[in-house]
C-alpha atoms as a PDB file:
ATOM      1  CA  MET A   1       0.000   0.000   0.000  1.00  0.00           C
ATOM      2  CA  VAL A   2       1.194   3.530  -0.704  1.00  0.00           C
ATOM      3  CA  ALA A   3       1.956   5.230   2.620  1.00  0.00           C
ATOM      4  CA  PRO A   4       2.497   8.945   3.303  1.00  0.00           C
ATOM      5  CA  ASP A   5       6.021  10.116   4.052  1.00  0.00           C
ATOM      6  CA  ALA A   6       6.258  11.371   7.658  1.00  0.00           C
ATOM      7  CA  GLU A   7       8.122  14.566   6.672  1.00  0.00           C
ATOM      8  CA  THR A   8       6.342  15.642   3.492  1.00  0.00           C
ATOM      9  CA  GLY A   9       2.955  13.925   3.635  1.00  0.00           C
ATOM     10  CA  ARG A  10       3.447  12.710   0.068  1.00  0.00           C
ATOM     11  CA  ALA A  11       2.737   9.117  -0.777  1.00  0.00           C
ATOM     12  CA  VAL A  12       5.813   6.915  -0.971  1.00  0.00           C
ATOM     13  CA  TRP A  13       6.040   3.651  -2.873  1.00  0.00           C
ATOM     14  CA  SER A  14       7.111   0.534  -1.078  1.00  0.00           C
ATOM     15  CA  ASP A  15       9.460  -1.860  -2.852  1.00  0.00           C
ATOM     16  CA  LEU A  16       6.427  -3.966  -3.773  1.00  0.00           C
ATOM     17  CA  GLU A  17       4.650  -1.051  -5.451  1.00  0.00           C
ATOM     18  CA  LEU A  18       7.746  -0.072  -7.388  1.00  0.00           C
ATOM     19  CA  GLU A  19       8.131  -3.690  -8.469  1.00  0.00           C
ATOM     20  CA  ARG A  20       4.457  -3.831  -9.479  1.00  0.00           C
ATOM     21  CA  VAL A  21       4.785  -0.708 -11.622  1.00  0.00           C
ATOM     22  CA  LEU A  22       7.957  -1.978 -13.289  1.00  0.00           C
ATOM     23  CA  ARG A  23       6.482  -5.435 -13.877  1.00  0.00           C
ATOM     24  CA  ASN A  24       3.297  -4.070 -15.442  1.00  0.00           C
ATOM     25  CA  LEU A  25       5.283  -1.847 -17.786  1.00  0.00           C
ATOM     26  CA  LEU A  26       7.611  -4.715 -18.728  1.00  0.00           C
ATOM     27  CA  VAL A  27       4.739  -7.163 -19.266  1.00  0.00           C
ATOM     28  CA  ASN A  28       3.058  -4.658 -21.586  1.00  0.00           C
ATOM     29  CA  ALA A  29       6.296  -4.116 -23.508  1.00  0.00           C
ATOM     30  CA  ARG A  30       6.835  -7.870 -23.816  1.00  0.00           C
ATOM     31  CA  ARG A  31       3.297  -8.314 -25.138  1.00  0.00           C
ATOM     32  CA  ALA A  32       3.878  -5.565 -27.687  1.00  0.00           C
ATOM     33  CA  LEU A  33       7.002  -7.373 -28.885  1.00  0.00           C
ATOM     34  CA  ALA A  34       4.936 -10.499 -29.512  1.00  0.00           C
ATOM     35  CA  GLU A  35       3.296  -8.570 -32.358  1.00  0.00           C
ATOM     36  CA  ARG A  36       6.473  -6.976 -33.696  1.00  0.00           C
ATOM     37  CA  GLY A  37       9.807  -5.677 -32.447  1.00  0.00           C
ATOM     38  CA  GLU A  38      12.642  -7.074 -30.383  1.00  0.00           C
ATOM     39  CA  HIS A  39      13.954  -4.483 -27.903  1.00  0.00           C
ATOM     40  CA  ILE A  40      12.912  -3.181 -24.483  1.00  0.00           C
ATOM     41  CA  GLU A  41      14.817  -0.365 -22.775  1.00  0.00           C
ATOM     42  CA  VAL A  42      14.352   0.596 -19.108  1.00  0.00           C
ATOM     43  CA  ARG A  43      15.626   3.881 -17.679  1.00  0.00           C
ATOM     44  CA  TRP A  44      15.509   5.105 -14.076  1.00  0.00           C
ATOM     45  CA  SER A  45      16.543   8.625 -13.137  1.00  0.00           C
ATOM     46  CA  ARG A  46      16.327  11.020 -10.236  1.00  0.00           C
ATOM     47  CA  ASP A  47      16.293  14.773 -10.420  1.00  0.00           C
ATOM     48  CA  ALA A  48      16.420  16.715  -7.153  1.00  0.00           C
ATOM     49  CA  ALA A  49      13.903  19.266  -8.456  1.00  0.00           C
ATOM     50  CA  SER A  50      11.358  16.996 -10.117  1.00  0.00           C
ATOM     51  CA  GLY A  51      11.744  13.612  -8.425  1.00  0.00           C
ATOM     52  CA  TYR A  52      11.975  10.190 -10.023  1.00  0.00           C
ATOM     53  CA  ARG A  53      11.271   8.948 -13.504  1.00  0.00           C
ATOM     54  CA  LEU A  54      10.944   5.388 -14.742  1.00  0.00           C
ATOM     55  CA  ALA A  55      10.738   4.953 -18.504  1.00  0.00           C
ATOM     56  CA  VAL A  56      10.097   1.739 -20.425  1.00  0.00           C
ATOM     57  CA  ARG A  57      10.507   1.878 -24.194  1.00  0.00           C
ATOM     58  CA  ASP A  58       9.891  -0.821 -26.799  1.00  0.00           C
ATOM     59  CA  ASP A  59      10.032  -1.073 -30.570  1.00  0.00           C
ATOM     60  CA  GLY A  60       6.692  -2.889 -30.890  1.00  0.00           C
ATOM     61  CA  PRO A  61       3.479  -1.347 -32.272  1.00  0.00           C
ATOM     62  CA  GLU A  62       2.189   2.136 -31.478  1.00  0.00           C
ATOM     63  CA  PRO A  63       0.593   2.589 -28.026  1.00  0.00           C
ATOM     64  CA  PRO A  64      -3.153   3.134 -27.604  1.00  0.00           C
ATOM     65  CA  GLU A  65      -4.428   6.704 -27.462  1.00  0.00           C
ATOM     66  CA  GLU A  66      -6.537   5.843 -24.409  1.00  0.00           C
ATOM     67  CA  LEU A  67      -5.721   3.494 -21.551  1.00  0.00           C
ATOM     68  CA  ALA A  68      -7.528   0.244 -22.213  1.00  0.00           C
ATOM     69  CA  PRO A  69      -8.683  -2.121 -19.477  1.00  0.00           C
ATOM     70  CA  GLY A  70      -6.520  -5.204 -19.315  1.00  0.00           C
ATOM     71  CA  LEU A  71      -3.227  -3.546 -20.134  1.00  0.00           C
ATOM     72  CA  GLY A  72      -2.129  -3.285 -16.491  1.00  0.00           C
ATOM     73  CA  LEU A  73      -1.586   0.421 -17.060  1.00  0.00           C
ATOM     74  CA  THR A  74      -4.600   1.431 -15.008  1.00  0.00           C
ATOM     75  CA  SER A  75      -2.901   0.238 -11.818  1.00  0.00           C
ATOM     76  CA  VAL A  76       0.348   1.954 -12.871  1.00  0.00           C
ATOM     77  CA  ARG A  77      -1.534   5.221 -13.363  1.00  0.00           C
ATOM     78  CA  THR A  78      -3.351   4.825 -10.023  1.00  0.00           C
ATOM     79  CA  LEU A  79      -0.138   4.155  -8.096  1.00  0.00           C
ATOM     80  CA  SER A  80       1.578   7.077  -9.841  1.00  0.00           C
ATOM     81  CA  GLU A  81      -1.241   9.492  -9.074  1.00  0.00           C
ATOM     82  CA  GLU A  82      -1.444   8.331  -5.441  1.00  0.00           C
ATOM     83  CA  ALA A  83       2.233   9.266  -5.137  1.00  0.00           C
ATOM     84  CA  GLY A  84       1.583  12.723  -6.636  1.00  0.00           C
ATOM     85  CA  GLY A  85       2.960  11.738 -10.029  1.00  0.00           C
ATOM     86  CA  SER A  86       1.751  10.712 -13.444  1.00  0.00           C
ATOM     87  CA  LEU A  87       1.871   8.122 -16.192  1.00  0.00           C
ATOM     88  CA  THR A  88       2.432   9.345 -19.731  1.00  0.00           C
ATOM     89  CA  TRP A  89       2.989   7.490 -22.969  1.00  0.00           C
ATOM     90  CA  ARG A  90       3.765   8.285 -26.553  1.00  0.00           C
ATOM     91  CA  GLY A  91       4.427   6.639 -29.859  1.00  0.00           C
ATOM     92  CA  LEU A  92       8.001   6.877 -31.089  1.00  0.00           C
ATOM     93  CA  PRO A  93       8.857   8.206 -34.562  1.00  0.00           C
ATOM     94  CA  THR A  94      10.748   4.991 -35.326  1.00  0.00           C
ATOM     95  CA  GLY A  95       7.850   2.813 -34.125  1.00  0.00           C
ATOM     96  CA  GLY A  96       7.119   1.452 -30.712  1.00  0.00           C
ATOM     97  CA  ALA A  97       6.146   3.194 -27.521  1.00  0.00           C
ATOM     98  CA  GLU A  98       7.572   4.828 -24.431  1.00  0.00           C
ATOM     99  CA  PHE A  99       5.736   4.787 -21.106  1.00  0.00           C
ATOM    100  CA  GLN A 100       6.995   7.133 -18.386  1.00  0.00           C
ATOM    101  CA  VAL A 101       6.114   7.180 -14.721  1.00  0.00           C
ATOM    102  CA  SER A 102       7.117  10.324 -12.840  1.00  0.00           C
ATOM    103  CA  VAL A 103       6.769  10.756  -9.091  1.00  0.00           C
ATOM    104  CA  PRO A 104       8.037  13.541  -6.843  1.00  0.00           C
ATOM    105  CA  ALA A 105      10.875  12.830  -4.439  1.00  0.00           C
ATOM    106  CA  ALA A 106       9.471  12.375  -0.945  1.00  0.00           C
ATOM    107  CA  GLY A 107      12.440  12.666   1.382  1.00  0.00           C
ATOM    108  CA  ARG A 108      14.006   9.286   0.628  1.00  0.00           C
ATOM    109  CA  ASP A 109      15.164   7.322  -2.377  1.00  0.00           C
ATOM    110  CA  PRO A 110      12.835   4.452  -3.172  1.00  0.00           C
ATOM    111  CA  ALA A 111      15.014   1.369  -3.490  1.00  0.00           C
ATOM    112  CA  LEU A 112      14.609  -0.999  -6.360  1.00  0.00           C
ATOM    113  CA  PRO A 113      13.288  -4.306  -5.056  1.00  0.00           C
ATOM    114  CA  ARG A 114      16.065  -6.299  -3.440  1.00  0.00           C
ATOM    115  CA  ASP A 115      14.271  -9.643  -3.714  1.00  0.00           C
ATOM    116  CA  THR A 116      14.234 -10.718  -7.344  1.00  0.00           C
ATOM    117  CA  ARG A 117      12.659 -14.083  -6.468  1.00  0.00           C
ATOM    118  CA  ALA A 118       9.140 -12.647  -6.479  1.00  0.00           C
ATOM    119  CA  GLY A 119       8.045 -14.776  -9.428  1.00  0.00           C
ATOM    120  CA  PRO A 120       5.963 -13.902 -12.489  1.00  0.00           C
ATOM    121  CA  PRO A 121       3.350 -11.133 -12.495  1.00  0.00           C
ATOM    122  CA  ASP A 122      -0.139 -11.983 -11.334  1.00  0.00           C
ATOM    123  CA  PRO A 123      -2.142 -12.716 -14.531  1.00  0.00           C
ATOM    124  CA  GLN A 124      -5.299 -11.353 -12.878  1.00  0.00           C
ATOM    125  CA  GLU A 125      -3.678  -7.935 -12.470  1.00  0.00           C
ATOM    126  CA  ASN A 126      -3.462  -7.304 -16.220  1.00  0.00           C
ATOM    127  CA  ARG A 127      -7.119  -7.976 -16.962  1.00  0.00           C
END
């Protein structure tokens, strides 16, 4: 669950929420590659002024104009908004899509999940 930071009052992701966001974005990219494409790129950055940004890019088909149920992106958007951030996406000129999650810094660096043994994503989550 997203919990408020004691100092700022902003929502802060737990390792599980960060993992859930990353997994949903990667699952969507992998599904896009099933249609066409072969590359997925993940970028993580922190800017003191604007916070954190996670970007997942693929060279599959163009992304939808609207979020569609079943893509797993609804939960990514919800978690992002609960943390005071956003989910954006765009088609790339060379084909494919880039999905970006931006959240403000909330007094501590969210750590990437330390336990990589969590297993595959829950198939019910992407429905």
